[in-house]
Amino acid sequence: MMKKIVLIGALVGALASCTATEQGTAIGAGSGAIIGGAVSNSWGGAAIGAVAGGLAGALIGQSVERRGYCVYRDRYGRRYEARCPRY
């Protein structure tokens, strides 16, 4: 029963989201909750999975939003975005 509720919530959240970051967060959180709950067989595992999946999904969604831009690191380790090279 818990798995069905989480799955339906993830699907509704993904469909209602507007940006790629929001969609990635919703899909990641739903998937993480399902996997965390199945692996640990507890609500705590589902909650931890939802948080971890949501963070990963948000990062992936955010990288998709700026199409044509790549993330680089300078020699000091700082991240910056610039246009991707065209091959």
PDB file of N, CA and C in Angstrom:
ATOM      1  N   MET A   1       0.815  -1.196   0.000  1.00  0.00           N
ATOM      2  CA  MET A   1       0.000   0.000   0.000  1.00  0.00           C
ATOM      3  C   MET A   1       0.858   1.258   0.000  1.00  0.00           C
ATOM      4  N   MET A   2       1.928   1.257   0.822  1.00  0.00           N
ATOM      5  CA  MET A   2       2.812   2.417   0.904  1.00  0.00           C
ATOM      6  C   MET A   2       3.467   2.691  -0.451  1.00  0.00           C
ATOM      7  N   LYS A   3       3.865   1.647  -1.131  1.00  0.00           N
ATOM      8  CA  LYS A   3       4.533   1.819  -2.421  1.00  0.00           C
ATOM      9  C   LYS A   3       3.600   2.459  -3.443  1.00  0.00           C
ATOM     10  N   LYS A   4       2.341   2.081  -3.429  1.00  0.00           N
ATOM     11  CA  LYS A   4       1.382   2.656  -4.370  1.00  0.00           C
ATOM     12  C   LYS A   4       1.181   4.142  -4.111  1.00  0.00           C
ATOM     13  N   ILE A   5       1.074   4.511  -2.849  1.00  0.00           N
ATOM     14  CA  ILE A   5       0.879   5.917  -2.492  1.00  0.00           C
ATOM     15  C   ILE A   5       2.081   6.749  -2.920  1.00  0.00           C
ATOM     16  N   VAL A   6       3.279   6.241  -2.654  1.00  0.00           N
ATOM     17  CA  VAL A   6       4.492   6.968  -3.015  1.00  0.00           C
ATOM     18  C   VAL A   6       4.609   7.082  -4.533  1.00  0.00           C
ATOM     19  N   LEU A   7       4.314   6.014  -5.245  1.00  0.00           N
ATOM     20  CA  LEU A   7       4.409   6.029  -6.697  1.00  0.00           C
ATOM     21  C   LEU A   7       3.419   7.018  -7.315  1.00  0.00           C
ATOM     22  N   ILE A   8       2.191   7.012  -6.834  1.00  0.00           N
ATOM     23  CA  ILE A   8       1.186   7.947  -7.346  1.00  0.00           C
ATOM     24  C   ILE A   8       1.587   9.384  -7.031  1.00  0.00           C
ATOM     25  N   GLY A   9       2.087   9.619  -5.833  1.00  0.00           N
ATOM     26  CA  GLY A   9       2.544  10.956  -5.466  1.00  0.00           C
ATOM     27  C   GLY A   9       3.692  11.428  -6.345  1.00  0.00           C
ATOM     28  N   ALA A  10       4.613  10.532  -6.666  1.00  0.00           N
ATOM     29  CA  ALA A  10       5.737  10.902  -7.527  1.00  0.00           C
ATOM     30  C   ALA A  10       5.270  11.229  -8.935  1.00  0.00           C
ATOM     31  N   LEU A  11       4.347  10.453  -9.442  1.00  0.00           N
ATOM     32  CA  LEU A  11       3.845  10.707 -10.795  1.00  0.00           C
ATOM     33  C   LEU A  11       3.073  12.016 -10.877  1.00  0.00           C
ATOM     34  N   VAL A  12       2.233  12.271  -9.902  1.00  0.00           N
ATOM     35  CA  VAL A  12       1.472  13.517  -9.898  1.00  0.00           C
ATOM     36  C   VAL A  12       2.410  14.706  -9.748  1.00  0.00           C
ATOM     37  N   GLY A  13       3.394  14.585  -8.883  1.00  0.00           N
ATOM     38  CA  GLY A  13       4.359  15.664  -8.705  1.00  0.00           C
ATOM     39  C   GLY A  13       5.166  15.940  -9.956  1.00  0.00           C
ATOM     40  N   ALA A  14       5.551  14.885 -10.649  1.00  0.00           N
ATOM     41  CA  ALA A  14       6.323  15.058 -11.878  1.00  0.00           C
ATOM     42  C   ALA A  14       5.487  15.721 -12.966  1.00  0.00           C
ATOM     43  N   LEU A  15       4.228  15.365 -13.044  1.00  0.00           N
ATOM     44  CA  LEU A  15       3.371  15.947 -14.072  1.00  0.00           C
ATOM     45  C   LEU A  15       3.024  17.393 -13.764  1.00  0.00           C
ATOM     46  N   ALA A  16       2.954  17.752 -12.498  1.00  0.00           N
ATOM     47  CA  ALA A  16       2.568  19.107 -12.119  1.00  0.00           C
ATOM     48  C   ALA A  16       3.751  20.070 -12.130  1.00  0.00           C
ATOM     49  N   SER A  17       4.954  19.563 -12.218  1.00  0.00           N
ATOM     50  CA  SER A  17       6.141  20.416 -12.180  1.00  0.00           C
ATOM     51  C   SER A  17       6.301  21.189 -13.477  1.00  0.00           C
ATOM     52  N   CYS A  18       6.939  22.336 -13.363  1.00  0.00           N
ATOM     53  CA  CYS A  18       7.085  23.199 -14.538  1.00  0.00           C
ATOM     54  C   CYS A  18       8.454  23.083 -15.182  1.00  0.00           C
ATOM     55  N   THR A  19       9.505  23.283 -14.415  1.00  0.00           N
ATOM     56  CA  THR A  19      10.843  23.319 -14.987  1.00  0.00           C
ATOM     57  C   THR A  19      11.500  21.947 -14.913  1.00  0.00           C
ATOM     58  N   ALA A  20      12.613  21.814 -15.629  1.00  0.00           N
ATOM     59  CA  ALA A  20      13.358  20.555 -15.616  1.00  0.00           C
ATOM     60  C   ALA A  20      13.898  20.251 -14.222  1.00  0.00           C
ATOM     61  N   THR A  21      14.281  21.274 -13.479  1.00  0.00           N
ATOM     62  CA  THR A  21      14.784  21.060 -12.119  1.00  0.00           C
ATOM     63  C   THR A  21      13.678  20.512 -11.225  1.00  0.00           C
ATOM     64  N   GLU A  22      12.488  21.075 -11.332  1.00  0.00           N
ATOM     65  CA  GLU A  22      11.371  20.595 -10.516  1.00  0.00           C
ATOM     66  C   GLU A  22      10.968  19.181 -10.910  1.00  0.00           C
ATOM     67  N   GLN A  23      10.965  18.898 -12.198  1.00  0.00           N
ATOM     68  CA  GLN A  23      10.642  17.547 -12.643  1.00  0.00           C
ATOM     69  C   GLN A  23      11.683  16.553 -12.152  1.00  0.00           C
ATOM     70  N   GLY A  24      12.954  16.906 -12.257  1.00  0.00           N
ATOM     71  CA  GLY A  24      14.018  16.026 -11.783  1.00  0.00           C
ATOM     72  C   GLY A  24      13.924  15.770 -10.296  1.00  0.00           C
ATOM     73  N   THR A  25      13.583  16.809  -9.544  1.00  0.00           N
ATOM     74  CA  THR A  25      13.430  16.666  -8.102  1.00  0.00           C
ATOM     75  C   THR A  25      12.286  15.725  -7.760  1.00  0.00           C
ATOM     76  N   ALA A  26      11.150  15.909  -8.420  1.00  0.00           N
ATOM     77  CA  ALA A  26       9.979  15.073  -8.134  1.00  0.00           C
ATOM     78  C   ALA A  26      10.233  13.612  -8.508  1.00  0.00           C
ATOM     79  N   ILE A  27      10.787  13.389  -9.670  1.00  0.00           N
ATOM     80  CA  ILE A  27      11.057  12.013 -10.109  1.00  0.00           C
ATOM     81  C   ILE A  27      12.121  11.375  -9.227  1.00  0.00           C
ATOM     82  N   GLY A  28      13.172  12.118  -8.905  1.00  0.00           N
ATOM     83  CA  GLY A  28      14.232  11.592  -8.051  1.00  0.00           C
ATOM     84  C   GLY A  28      13.746  11.275  -6.650  1.00  0.00           C
ATOM     85  N   ALA A  29      12.920  12.153  -6.082  1.00  0.00           N
ATOM     86  CA  ALA A  29      12.402  11.916  -4.734  1.00  0.00           C
ATOM     87  C   ALA A  29      11.475  10.707  -4.710  1.00  0.00           C
ATOM     88  N   GLY A  30      10.622  10.586  -5.708  1.00  0.00           N
ATOM     89  CA  GLY A  30       9.719   9.434  -5.767  1.00  0.00           C
ATOM     90  C   GLY A  30      10.470   8.129  -5.943  1.00  0.00           C
ATOM     91  N   SER A  31      11.428   8.128  -6.846  1.00  0.00           N
ATOM     92  CA  SER A  31      12.220   6.918  -7.074  1.00  0.00           C
ATOM     93  C   SER A  31      13.045   6.567  -5.840  1.00  0.00           C
ATOM     94  N   GLY A  32      13.653   7.587  -5.230  1.00  0.00           N
ATOM     95  CA  GLY A  32      14.452   7.346  -4.033  1.00  0.00           C
ATOM     96  C   GLY A  32      13.630   6.806  -2.882  1.00  0.00           C
ATOM     97  N   ALA A  33      12.398   7.302  -2.736  1.00  0.00           N
ATOM     98  CA  ALA A  33      11.523   6.814  -1.670  1.00  0.00           C
ATOM     99  C   ALA A  33      11.149   5.355  -1.897  1.00  0.00           C
ATOM    100  N   ILE A  34      10.855   5.013  -3.132  1.00  0.00           N
ATOM    101  CA  ILE A  34      10.494   3.627  -3.435  1.00  0.00           C
ATOM    102  C   ILE A  34      11.676   2.699  -3.179  1.00  0.00           C
ATOM    103  N   ILE A  35      12.840   3.076  -3.684  1.00  0.00           N
ATOM    104  CA  ILE A  35      14.024   2.227  -3.506  1.00  0.00           C
ATOM    105  C   ILE A  35      14.421   2.156  -2.034  1.00  0.00           C
ATOM    106  N   GLY A  36      14.436   3.309  -1.341  1.00  0.00           N
ATOM    107  CA  GLY A  36      14.806   3.313   0.073  1.00  0.00           C
ATOM    108  C   GLY A  36      13.849   2.513   0.928  1.00  0.00           C
ATOM    109  N   GLY A  37      12.556   2.614   0.641  1.00  0.00           N
ATOM    110  CA  GLY A  37      11.572   1.842   1.390  1.00  0.00           C
ATOM    111  C   GLY A  37      11.669   0.354   1.114  1.00  0.00           C
ATOM    112  N   ALA A  38      11.938  -0.003  -0.144  1.00  0.00           N
ATOM    113  CA  ALA A  38      12.044  -1.424  -0.500  1.00  0.00           C
ATOM    114  C   ALA A  38      13.295  -2.061   0.100  1.00  0.00           C
ATOM    115  N   VAL A  39      14.394  -1.321   0.092  1.00  0.00           N
ATOM    116  CA  VAL A  39      15.651  -1.875   0.603  1.00  0.00           C
ATOM    117  C   VAL A  39      15.629  -2.009   2.124  1.00  0.00           C
ATOM    118  N   SER A  40      15.147  -0.973   2.815  1.00  0.00           N
ATOM    119  CA  SER A  40      15.184  -0.987   4.278  1.00  0.00           C
ATOM    120  C   SER A  40      13.904  -1.514   4.906  1.00  0.00           C
ATOM    121  N   ASN A  41      12.827  -1.564   4.127  1.00  0.00           N
ATOM    122  CA  ASN A  41      11.526  -2.007   4.624  1.00  0.00           C
ATOM    123  C   ASN A  41      11.060  -1.160   5.813  1.00  0.00           C
ATOM    124  N   SER A  42      11.314   0.164   5.718  1.00  0.00           N
ATOM    125  CA  SER A  42      10.899   1.066   6.793  1.00  0.00           C
ATOM    126  C   SER A  42      10.594   2.445   6.217  1.00  0.00           C
ATOM    127  N   TRP A  43       9.850   3.240   7.012  1.00  0.00           N
ATOM    128  CA  TRP A  43       9.548   4.608   6.607  1.00  0.00           C
ATOM    129  C   TRP A  43      10.798   5.469   6.628  1.00  0.00           C
ATOM    130  N   GLY A  44      11.677   5.212   7.564  1.00  0.00           N
ATOM    131  CA  GLY A  44      12.921   5.991   7.661  1.00  0.00           C
ATOM    132  C   GLY A  44      13.774   5.831   6.419  1.00  0.00           C
ATOM    133  N   GLY A  45      13.870   4.603   5.930  1.00  0.00           N
ATOM    134  CA  GLY A  45      14.629   4.357   4.704  1.00  0.00           C
ATOM    135  C   GLY A  45      14.002   5.039   3.510  1.00  0.00           C
ATOM    136  N   ALA A  46      12.668   5.056   3.466  1.00  0.00           N
ATOM    137  CA  ALA A  46      11.964   5.739   2.378  1.00  0.00           C
ATOM    138  C   ALA A  46      12.216   7.240   2.439  1.00  0.00           C
ATOM    139  N   ALA A  47      12.236   7.796   3.639  1.00  0.00           N
ATOM    140  CA  ALA A  47      12.476   9.229   3.790  1.00  0.00           C
ATOM    141  C   ALA A  47      13.894   9.596   3.369  1.00  0.00           C
ATOM    142  N   ILE A  48      14.862   8.803   3.788  1.00  0.00           N
ATOM    143  CA  ILE A  48      16.250   9.059   3.405  1.00  0.00           C
ATOM    144  C   ILE A  48      16.415   8.911   1.895  1.00  0.00           C
ATOM    145  N   GLY A  49      15.792   7.895   1.322  1.00  0.00           N
ATOM    146  CA  GLY A  49      15.844   7.705  -0.125  1.00  0.00           C
ATOM    147  C   GLY A  49      15.207   8.859  -0.877  1.00  0.00           C
ATOM    148  N   ALA A  50      14.109   9.389  -0.345  1.00  0.00           N
ATOM    149  CA  ALA A  50      13.436  10.518  -0.990  1.00  0.00           C
ATOM    150  C   ALA A  50      14.319  11.757  -0.991  1.00  0.00           C
ATOM    151  N   VAL A  51      14.984  12.016   0.115  1.00  0.00           N
ATOM    152  CA  VAL A  51      15.868  13.186   0.193  1.00  0.00           C
ATOM    153  C   VAL A  51      17.050  13.027  -0.758  1.00  0.00           C
ATOM    154  N   ALA A  52      17.690  11.871  -0.717  1.00  0.00           N
ATOM    155  CA  ALA A  52      18.844  11.640  -1.593  1.00  0.00           C
ATOM    156  C   ALA A  52      18.439  11.679  -3.067  1.00  0.00           C
ATOM    157  N   GLY A  53      17.331  11.042  -3.399  1.00  0.00           N
ATOM    158  CA  GLY A  53      16.857  11.051  -4.777  1.00  0.00           C
ATOM    159  C   GLY A  53      16.434  12.433  -5.239  1.00  0.00           C
ATOM    160  N   GLY A  54      15.819  13.189  -4.356  1.00  0.00           N
ATOM    161  CA  GLY A  54      15.415  14.552  -4.695  1.00  0.00           C
ATOM    162  C   GLY A  54      16.602  15.448  -4.994  1.00  0.00           C
ATOM    163  N   LEU A  55      17.651  15.328  -4.183  1.00  0.00           N
ATOM    164  CA  LEU A  55      18.858  16.121  -4.431  1.00  0.00           C
ATOM    165  C   LEU A  55      19.514  15.740  -5.754  1.00  0.00           C
ATOM    166  N   ALA A  56      19.633  14.438  -5.996  1.00  0.00           N
ATOM    167  CA  ALA A  56      20.245  13.987  -7.250  1.00  0.00           C
ATOM    168  C   ALA A  56      19.403  14.418  -8.453  1.00  0.00           C
ATOM    169  N   GLY A  57      18.094  14.278  -8.347  1.00  0.00           N
ATOM    170  CA  GLY A  57      17.210  14.686  -9.430  1.00  0.00           C
ATOM    171  C   GLY A  57      17.259  16.177  -9.698  1.00  0.00           C
ATOM    172  N   ALA A  58      17.378  16.967  -8.649  1.00  0.00           N
ATOM    173  CA  ALA A  58      17.464  18.416  -8.818  1.00  0.00           C
ATOM    174  C   ALA A  58      18.745  18.801  -9.544  1.00  0.00           C
ATOM    175  N   LEU A  59      19.840  18.160  -9.193  1.00  0.00           N
ATOM    176  CA  LEU A  59      21.104  18.462  -9.862  1.00  0.00           C
ATOM    177  C   LEU A  59      21.057  18.079 -11.338  1.00  0.00           C
ATOM    178  N   ILE A  60      20.481  16.922 -11.616  1.00  0.00           N
ATOM    179  CA  ILE A  60      20.372  16.485 -13.009  1.00  0.00           C
ATOM    180  C   ILE A  60      19.437  17.415 -13.776  1.00  0.00           C
ATOM    181  N   GLY A  61      18.300  17.755 -13.189  1.00  0.00           N
ATOM    182  CA  GLY A  61      17.363  18.656 -13.844  1.00  0.00           C
ATOM    183  C   GLY A  61      17.941  20.029 -14.087  1.00  0.00           C
ATOM    184  N   GLN A  62      18.729  20.515 -13.145  1.00  0.00           N
ATOM    185  CA  GLN A  62      19.340  21.827 -13.290  1.00  0.00           C
ATOM    186  C   GLN A  62      20.357  21.832 -14.429  1.00  0.00           C
ATOM    187  N   SER A  63      21.061  20.736 -14.617  1.00  0.00           N
ATOM    188  CA  SER A  63      22.051  20.679 -15.689  1.00  0.00           C
ATOM    189  C   SER A  63      21.388  20.643 -17.059  1.00  0.00           C
ATOM    190  N   VAL A  64      20.150  20.174 -17.123  1.00  0.00           N
ATOM    191  CA  VAL A  64      19.442  20.100 -18.397  1.00  0.00           C
ATOM    192  C   VAL A  64      18.837  21.448 -18.772  1.00  0.00           C
ATOM    193  N   GLU A  65      18.528  22.275 -17.793  1.00  0.00           N
ATOM    194  CA  GLU A  65      17.846  23.550 -18.051  1.00  0.00           C
ATOM    195  C   GLU A  65      18.655  24.480 -18.940  1.00  0.00           C
ATOM    196  N   ARG A  66      19.927  24.511 -18.760  1.00  0.00           N
ATOM    197  CA  ARG A  66      20.766  25.428 -19.542  1.00  0.00           C
ATOM    198  C   ARG A  66      21.396  24.665 -20.695  1.00  0.00           C
ATOM    199  N   ARG A  67      20.603  24.326 -21.660  1.00  0.00           N
ATOM    200  CA  ARG A  67      21.110  23.592 -22.823  1.00  0.00           C
ATOM    201  C   ARG A  67      22.122  24.454 -23.565  1.00  0.00           C
ATOM    202  N   GLY A  68      23.171  23.794 -24.006  1.00  0.00           N
ATOM    203  CA  GLY A  68      24.216  24.498 -24.724  1.00  0.00           C
ATOM    204  C   GLY A  68      25.309  25.032 -23.818  1.00  0.00           C
ATOM    205  N   TYR A  69      25.142  24.874 -22.499  1.00  0.00           N
ATOM    206  CA  TYR A  69      26.155  25.298 -21.539  1.00  0.00           C
ATOM    207  C   TYR A  69      26.737  24.080 -20.833  1.00  0.00           C
ATOM    208  N   CYS A  70      28.018  24.108 -20.608  1.00  0.00           N
ATOM    209  CA  CYS A  70      28.712  23.032 -19.890  1.00  0.00           C
ATOM    210  C   CYS A  70      29.274  23.590 -18.587  1.00  0.00           C
ATOM    211  N   VAL A  71      29.470  22.706 -17.633  1.00  0.00           N
ATOM    212  CA  VAL A  71      30.054  23.099 -16.353  1.00  0.00           C
ATOM    213  C   VAL A  71      31.519  22.705 -16.370  1.00  0.00           C
ATOM    214  N   TYR A  72      32.384  23.667 -16.087  1.00  0.00           N
ATOM    215  CA  TYR A  72      33.827  23.450 -16.080  1.00  0.00           C
ATOM    216  C   TYR A  72      34.384  23.807 -14.709  1.00  0.00           C
ATOM    217  N   ARG A  73      35.626  23.418 -14.480  1.00  0.00           N
ATOM    218  CA  ARG A  73      36.353  23.822 -13.269  1.00  0.00           C
ATOM    219  C   ARG A  73      37.648  24.509 -13.701  1.00  0.00           C
ATOM    220  N   ASP A  74      37.943  25.619 -13.027  1.00  0.00           N
ATOM    221  CA  ASP A  74      39.210  26.273 -13.333  1.00  0.00           C
ATOM    222  C   ASP A  74      40.332  25.605 -12.545  1.00  0.00           C
ATOM    223  N   ARG A  75      41.530  26.114 -12.676  1.00  0.00           N
ATOM    224  CA  ARG A  75      42.677  25.454 -12.029  1.00  0.00           C
ATOM    225  C   ARG A  75      42.645  25.554 -10.515  1.00  0.00           C
ATOM    226  N   TYR A  76      41.759  26.398  -9.975  1.00  0.00           N
ATOM    227  CA  TYR A  76      41.604  26.516  -8.525  1.00  0.00           C
ATOM    228  C   TYR A  76      40.448  25.675  -7.994  1.00  0.00           C
ATOM    229  N   GLY A  77      39.777  24.945  -8.874  1.00  0.00           N
ATOM    230  CA  GLY A  77      38.685  24.076  -8.464  1.00  0.00           C
ATOM    231  C   GLY A  77      37.322  24.735  -8.446  1.00  0.00           C
ATOM    232  N   ARG A  78      37.232  26.005  -8.842  1.00  0.00           N
ATOM    233  CA  ARG A  78      35.955  26.699  -8.862  1.00  0.00           C
ATOM    234  C   ARG A  78      35.159  26.287 -10.093  1.00  0.00           C
ATOM    235  N   ARG A  79      33.862  26.115  -9.911  1.00  0.00           N
ATOM    236  CA  ARG A  79      32.986  25.736 -11.024  1.00  0.00           C
ATOM    237  C   ARG A  79      32.484  26.978 -11.739  1.00  0.00           C
ATOM    238  N   TYR A  80      32.368  26.872 -13.063  1.00  0.00           N
ATOM    239  CA  TYR A  80      31.758  27.939 -13.844  1.00  0.00           C
ATOM    240  C   TYR A  80      31.088  27.334 -15.071  1.00  0.00           C
ATOM    241  N   GLU A  81      30.179  28.085 -15.662  1.00  0.00           N
ATOM    242  CA  GLU A  81      29.452  27.633 -16.853  1.00  0.00           C
ATOM    243  C   GLU A  81      29.894  28.453 -18.050  1.00  0.00           C
ATOM    244  N   ALA A  82      30.005  27.771 -19.179  1.00  0.00           N
ATOM    245  CA  ALA A  82      30.330  28.430 -20.438  1.00  0.00           C
ATOM    246  C   ALA A  82      29.692  27.631 -21.563  1.00  0.00           C
ATOM    247  N   ARG A  83      29.584  28.250 -22.706  1.00  0.00           N
ATOM    248  CA  ARG A  83      29.021  27.551 -23.869  1.00  0.00           C
ATOM    249  C   ARG A  83      29.836  26.301 -24.163  1.00  0.00           C
ATOM    250  N   CYS A  84      29.137  25.230 -24.475  1.00  0.00           N
ATOM    251  CA  CYS A  84      29.814  23.986 -24.838  1.00  0.00           C
ATOM    252  C   CYS A  84      30.421  24.133 -26.229  1.00  0.00           C
ATOM    253  N   PRO A  85      31.557  23.503 -26.464  1.00  0.00           N
ATOM    254  CA  PRO A  85      32.148  23.563 -27.801  1.00  0.00           C
ATOM    255  C   PRO A  85      31.296  22.763 -28.795  1.00  0.00           C
ATOM    256  N   ARG A  86      31.235  23.237 -29.998  1.00  0.00           N
ATOM    257  CA  ARG A  86      30.506  22.529 -31.057  1.00  0.00           C
ATOM    258  C   ARG A  86      31.502  21.738 -31.878  1.00  0.00           C
ATOM    259  N   TYR A  87      31.177  20.485 -32.083  1.00  0.00           N
ATOM    260  CA  TYR A  87      32.084  19.625 -32.859  1.00  0.00           C
ATOM    261  C   TYR A  87      31.494  19.296 -34.182  1.00  0.00           C
TER     262      TYR A  87
END
